[in-house]
Amino acid sequence: MGLNETLKAISDPARRDILSMLKGGRKSAGEIAEHFNLTGATVSYHLAKLKSADLICEEKYKNYIYYELNASVFEEVLTWIYQLGGK
């Protein structure tokens, strides 16, 4: 994914909240949904957007899907931001 997709994905407050939650470690979709006053479908939509921007990755285990941060994408964004301040 490109930088535009990444920035668009993190522009939504709910998605930023999900990313903050995942900073503490992997969580199931159900654990993530418990923290929001949103429908399951809406939480799934946000997770899909984050996944398509490569900000999170998923792992299926038995009947659950677990999500965790993909830190390498954040490193790319930070590198780009630092380059803006360069000479």
N, C-alpha and C. Protein backbone atom coordinates (compact mmCIF):
# COMPACT_ATOMS: atom_id res chain seq x y z
N MET A 1 0.83 -1.19 0.00
CA MET A 1 0.00 0.00 0.00
C MET A 1 0.87 1.24 0.00
N GLY A 2 0.29 2.30 -0.49
CA GLY A 2 1.03 3.55 -0.56
C GLY A 2 0.75 4.45 0.63
N LEU A 3 1.49 5.52 0.65
CA LEU A 3 1.38 6.48 1.74
C LEU A 3 -0.01 7.10 1.81
N ASN A 4 -0.62 7.37 0.66
CA ASN A 4 -1.97 7.96 0.66
C ASN A 4 -2.98 7.07 1.36
N GLU A 5 -2.93 5.77 1.07
CA GLU A 5 -3.86 4.84 1.69
C GLU A 5 -3.62 4.75 3.19
N THR A 6 -2.35 4.80 3.58
CA THR A 6 -2.02 4.73 5.01
C THR A 6 -2.55 5.95 5.74
N LEU A 7 -2.30 7.13 5.19
CA LEU A 7 -2.77 8.36 5.84
C LEU A 7 -4.30 8.43 5.88
N LYS A 8 -4.93 7.96 4.82
CA LYS A 8 -6.40 7.94 4.80
C LYS A 8 -6.93 6.99 5.87
N ALA A 9 -6.28 5.84 6.03
CA ALA A 9 -6.73 4.86 7.03
C ALA A 9 -6.61 5.41 8.44
N ILE A 10 -5.55 6.16 8.73
CA ILE A 10 -5.38 6.66 10.10
C ILE A 10 -6.08 7.99 10.33
N SER A 11 -6.78 8.49 9.31
CA SER A 11 -7.51 9.75 9.47
C SER A 11 -8.79 9.58 10.30
N ASP A 12 -9.27 8.37 10.43
CA ASP A 12 -10.51 8.12 11.17
C ASP A 12 -10.21 7.88 12.64
N PRO A 13 -10.92 8.59 13.55
CA PRO A 13 -10.66 8.44 14.99
C PRO A 13 -10.86 7.01 15.51
N ALA A 14 -11.85 6.31 15.02
CA ALA A 14 -12.10 4.94 15.49
C ALA A 14 -10.92 4.04 15.10
N ARG A 15 -10.40 4.23 13.90
CA ARG A 15 -9.27 3.41 13.48
C ARG A 15 -8.02 3.75 14.28
N ARG A 16 -7.83 5.02 14.61
CA ARG A 16 -6.70 5.38 15.46
C ARG A 16 -6.85 4.76 16.85
N ASP A 17 -8.08 4.70 17.36
CA ASP A 17 -8.32 4.05 18.65
C ASP A 17 -8.00 2.56 18.59
N ILE A 18 -8.35 1.93 17.49
CA ILE A 18 -8.04 0.51 17.32
C ILE A 18 -6.53 0.31 17.31
N LEU A 19 -5.82 1.17 16.59
CA LEU A 19 -4.37 1.06 16.55
C LEU A 19 -3.76 1.24 17.93
N SER A 20 -4.30 2.18 18.70
CA SER A 20 -3.81 2.40 20.07
C SER A 20 -4.04 1.17 20.94
N MET A 21 -5.19 0.54 20.77
CA MET A 21 -5.48 -0.68 21.53
C MET A 21 -4.49 -1.78 21.19
N LEU A 22 -4.16 -1.90 19.91
CA LEU A 22 -3.28 -2.97 19.47
C LEU A 22 -1.83 -2.70 19.85
N LYS A 23 -1.54 -1.50 20.27
CA LYS A 23 -0.19 -1.19 20.74
C LYS A 23 0.15 -2.05 21.95
N GLY A 24 -0.86 -2.44 22.72
CA GLY A 24 -0.66 -3.27 23.90
C GLY A 24 -0.55 -4.75 23.60
N GLY A 25 -0.66 -5.13 22.34
CA GLY A 25 -0.57 -6.55 21.96
C GLY A 25 -1.75 -6.97 21.12
N ARG A 26 -1.68 -8.18 20.62
CA ARG A 26 -2.74 -8.65 19.71
C ARG A 26 -4.05 -8.82 20.44
N LYS A 27 -5.13 -8.60 19.70
CA LYS A 27 -6.48 -8.71 20.26
C LYS A 27 -7.38 -9.37 19.22
N SER A 28 -8.39 -10.06 19.71
CA SER A 28 -9.37 -10.65 18.80
C SER A 28 -10.34 -9.56 18.35
N ALA A 29 -11.06 -9.84 17.29
CA ALA A 29 -12.04 -8.89 16.79
C ALA A 29 -13.09 -8.60 17.87
N GLY A 30 -13.47 -9.61 18.62
CA GLY A 30 -14.45 -9.43 19.69
C GLY A 30 -13.94 -8.53 20.80
N GLU A 31 -12.67 -8.70 21.17
CA GLU A 31 -12.07 -7.85 22.20
C GLU A 31 -12.02 -6.40 21.74
N ILE A 32 -11.74 -6.20 20.47
CA ILE A 32 -11.71 -4.84 19.93
C ILE A 32 -13.11 -4.24 19.93
N ALA A 33 -14.09 -5.01 19.48
CA ALA A 33 -15.46 -4.51 19.38
C ALA A 33 -16.05 -4.13 20.73
N GLU A 34 -15.62 -4.80 21.80
CA GLU A 34 -16.14 -4.51 23.14
C GLU A 34 -15.88 -3.06 23.57
N HIS A 35 -14.87 -2.44 23.00
CA HIS A 35 -14.47 -1.10 23.42
C HIS A 35 -15.18 0.01 22.65
N PHE A 36 -16.07 -0.34 21.75
CA PHE A 36 -16.72 0.65 20.90
C PHE A 36 -18.23 0.53 20.98
N ASN A 37 -18.87 1.64 20.79
CA ASN A 37 -20.33 1.67 20.69
C ASN A 37 -20.69 1.64 19.20
N LEU A 38 -20.21 0.62 18.53
CA LEU A 38 -20.43 0.46 17.09
C LEU A 38 -20.94 -0.95 16.83
N THR A 39 -21.59 -1.12 15.70
CA THR A 39 -22.03 -2.46 15.32
C THR A 39 -20.81 -3.31 14.97
N GLY A 40 -20.99 -4.61 15.04
CA GLY A 40 -19.91 -5.51 14.66
C GLY A 40 -19.48 -5.30 13.21
N ALA A 41 -20.46 -5.00 12.36
CA ALA A 41 -20.15 -4.77 10.95
C ALA A 41 -19.29 -3.52 10.77
N THR A 42 -19.55 -2.50 11.56
CA THR A 42 -18.76 -1.27 11.47
C THR A 42 -17.33 -1.50 11.95
N VAL A 43 -17.18 -2.24 13.04
CA VAL A 43 -15.84 -2.57 13.53
C VAL A 43 -15.10 -3.40 12.48
N SER A 44 -15.78 -4.35 11.88
CA SER A 44 -15.17 -5.17 10.82
C SER A 44 -14.73 -4.31 9.64
N TYR A 45 -15.55 -3.31 9.30
CA TYR A 45 -15.21 -2.39 8.22
C TYR A 45 -13.90 -1.65 8.54
N HIS A 46 -13.80 -1.13 9.77
CA HIS A 46 -12.59 -0.40 10.18
C HIS A 46 -11.37 -1.33 10.18
N LEU A 47 -11.54 -2.55 10.65
CA LEU A 47 -10.44 -3.51 10.64
C LEU A 47 -10.00 -3.83 9.22
N ALA A 48 -10.96 -3.95 8.31
CA ALA A 48 -10.63 -4.22 6.91
C ALA A 48 -9.86 -3.06 6.30
N LYS A 49 -10.24 -1.83 6.64
CA LYS A 49 -9.53 -0.65 6.12
C LYS A 49 -8.09 -0.62 6.64
N LEU A 50 -7.92 -0.91 7.92
CA LEU A 50 -6.57 -0.93 8.49
C LEU A 50 -5.74 -2.05 7.88
N LYS A 51 -6.37 -3.18 7.65
CA LYS A 51 -5.66 -4.31 7.06
C LYS A 51 -5.28 -4.01 5.60
N SER A 52 -6.18 -3.40 4.84
CA SER A 52 -5.86 -3.10 3.44
C SER A 52 -4.77 -2.05 3.33
N ALA A 53 -4.63 -1.19 4.35
CA ALA A 53 -3.54 -0.22 4.38
C ALA A 53 -2.27 -0.83 4.95
N ASP A 54 -2.33 -2.10 5.29
CA ASP A 54 -1.19 -2.87 5.82
C ASP A 54 -0.73 -2.37 7.19
N LEU A 55 -1.63 -1.70 7.91
CA LEU A 55 -1.30 -1.19 9.24
C LEU A 55 -1.45 -2.27 10.31
N ILE A 56 -2.26 -3.27 10.02
CA ILE A 56 -2.44 -4.39 10.95
C ILE A 56 -2.36 -5.69 10.15
N CYS A 57 -2.05 -6.75 10.85
CA CYS A 57 -2.10 -8.07 10.22
C CYS A 57 -3.00 -8.96 11.07
N GLU A 58 -3.51 -9.99 10.45
CA GLU A 58 -4.42 -10.87 11.16
C GLU A 58 -3.88 -12.29 11.17
N GLU A 59 -4.29 -13.00 12.21
CA GLU A 59 -3.91 -14.40 12.34
C GLU A 59 -5.15 -15.16 12.81
N LYS A 60 -5.49 -16.20 12.08
CA LYS A 60 -6.66 -17.01 12.45
C LYS A 60 -6.21 -18.13 13.36
N TYR A 61 -6.94 -18.29 14.45
CA TYR A 61 -6.66 -19.37 15.39
C TYR A 61 -7.99 -19.93 15.87
N LYS A 62 -8.24 -21.18 15.53
CA LYS A 62 -9.51 -21.85 15.81
C LYS A 62 -10.65 -21.00 15.23
N ASN A 63 -11.58 -20.55 16.07
CA ASN A 63 -12.72 -19.77 15.58
C ASN A 63 -12.53 -18.27 15.72
N TYR A 64 -11.31 -17.83 15.98
CA TYR A 64 -11.05 -16.42 16.24
C TYR A 64 -10.06 -15.85 15.24
N ILE A 65 -10.17 -14.56 15.03
CA ILE A 65 -9.20 -13.83 14.24
C ILE A 65 -8.55 -12.82 15.18
N TYR A 66 -7.23 -12.86 15.23
CA TYR A 66 -6.48 -11.94 16.08
C TYR A 66 -5.77 -10.91 15.20
N TYR A 67 -5.75 -9.68 15.70
CA TYR A 67 -5.13 -8.59 14.96
C TYR A 67 -3.96 -8.04 15.77
N GLU A 68 -2.93 -7.60 15.04
CA GLU A 68 -1.81 -6.94 15.69
C GLU A 68 -1.22 -5.89 14.74
N LEU A 69 -0.46 -4.97 15.32
CA LEU A 69 0.13 -3.89 14.55
C LEU A 69 1.20 -4.40 13.60
N ASN A 70 1.32 -3.73 12.48
CA ASN A 70 2.41 -3.95 11.54
C ASN A 70 3.31 -2.72 11.64
N ALA A 71 4.30 -2.77 12.50
CA ALA A 71 5.13 -1.60 12.81
C ALA A 71 5.94 -1.11 11.62
N SER A 72 6.23 -1.96 10.66
CA SER A 72 7.07 -1.53 9.53
C SER A 72 6.42 -0.42 8.72
N VAL A 73 5.10 -0.42 8.62
CA VAL A 73 4.42 0.64 7.87
C VAL A 73 4.56 1.97 8.60
N PHE A 74 4.48 1.96 9.92
CA PHE A 74 4.65 3.19 10.68
C PHE A 74 6.06 3.74 10.52
N GLU A 75 7.03 2.85 10.43
CA GLU A 75 8.41 3.29 10.21
C GLU A 75 8.53 4.00 8.86
N GLU A 76 7.87 3.49 7.84
CA GLU A 76 7.90 4.12 6.52
C GLU A 76 7.28 5.51 6.56
N VAL A 77 6.15 5.66 7.27
CA VAL A 77 5.48 6.95 7.38
C VAL A 77 6.37 7.94 8.13
N LEU A 78 6.98 7.50 9.22
CA LEU A 78 7.87 8.37 9.98
C LEU A 78 9.08 8.79 9.15
N THR A 79 9.62 7.89 8.38
CA THR A 79 10.74 8.23 7.51
C THR A 79 10.34 9.31 6.52
N TRP A 80 9.17 9.18 5.94
CA TRP A 80 8.68 10.18 4.99
C TRP A 80 8.51 11.53 5.69
N ILE A 81 7.93 11.53 6.89
CA ILE A 81 7.72 12.79 7.62
C ILE A 81 9.06 13.44 7.95
N TYR A 82 10.03 12.65 8.40
CA TYR A 82 11.35 13.19 8.71
C TYR A 82 12.01 13.78 7.48
N GLN A 83 11.81 13.18 6.34
CA GLN A 83 12.38 13.68 5.09
C GLN A 83 11.81 15.05 4.72
N LEU A 84 10.60 15.33 5.12
CA LEU A 84 10.00 16.64 4.85
C LEU A 84 10.78 17.76 5.53
N GLY A 85 11.31 17.46 6.70
CA GLY A 85 12.06 18.46 7.46
C GLY A 85 13.50 18.55 7.05
N GLY A 86 13.95 17.67 6.16
CA GLY A 86 15.35 17.64 5.74
C GLY A 86 15.71 18.83 4.86
N LYS A 87 17.00 18.93 4.60
CA LYS A 87 17.48 20.05 3.76
C LYS A 87 17.85 19.60 2.39
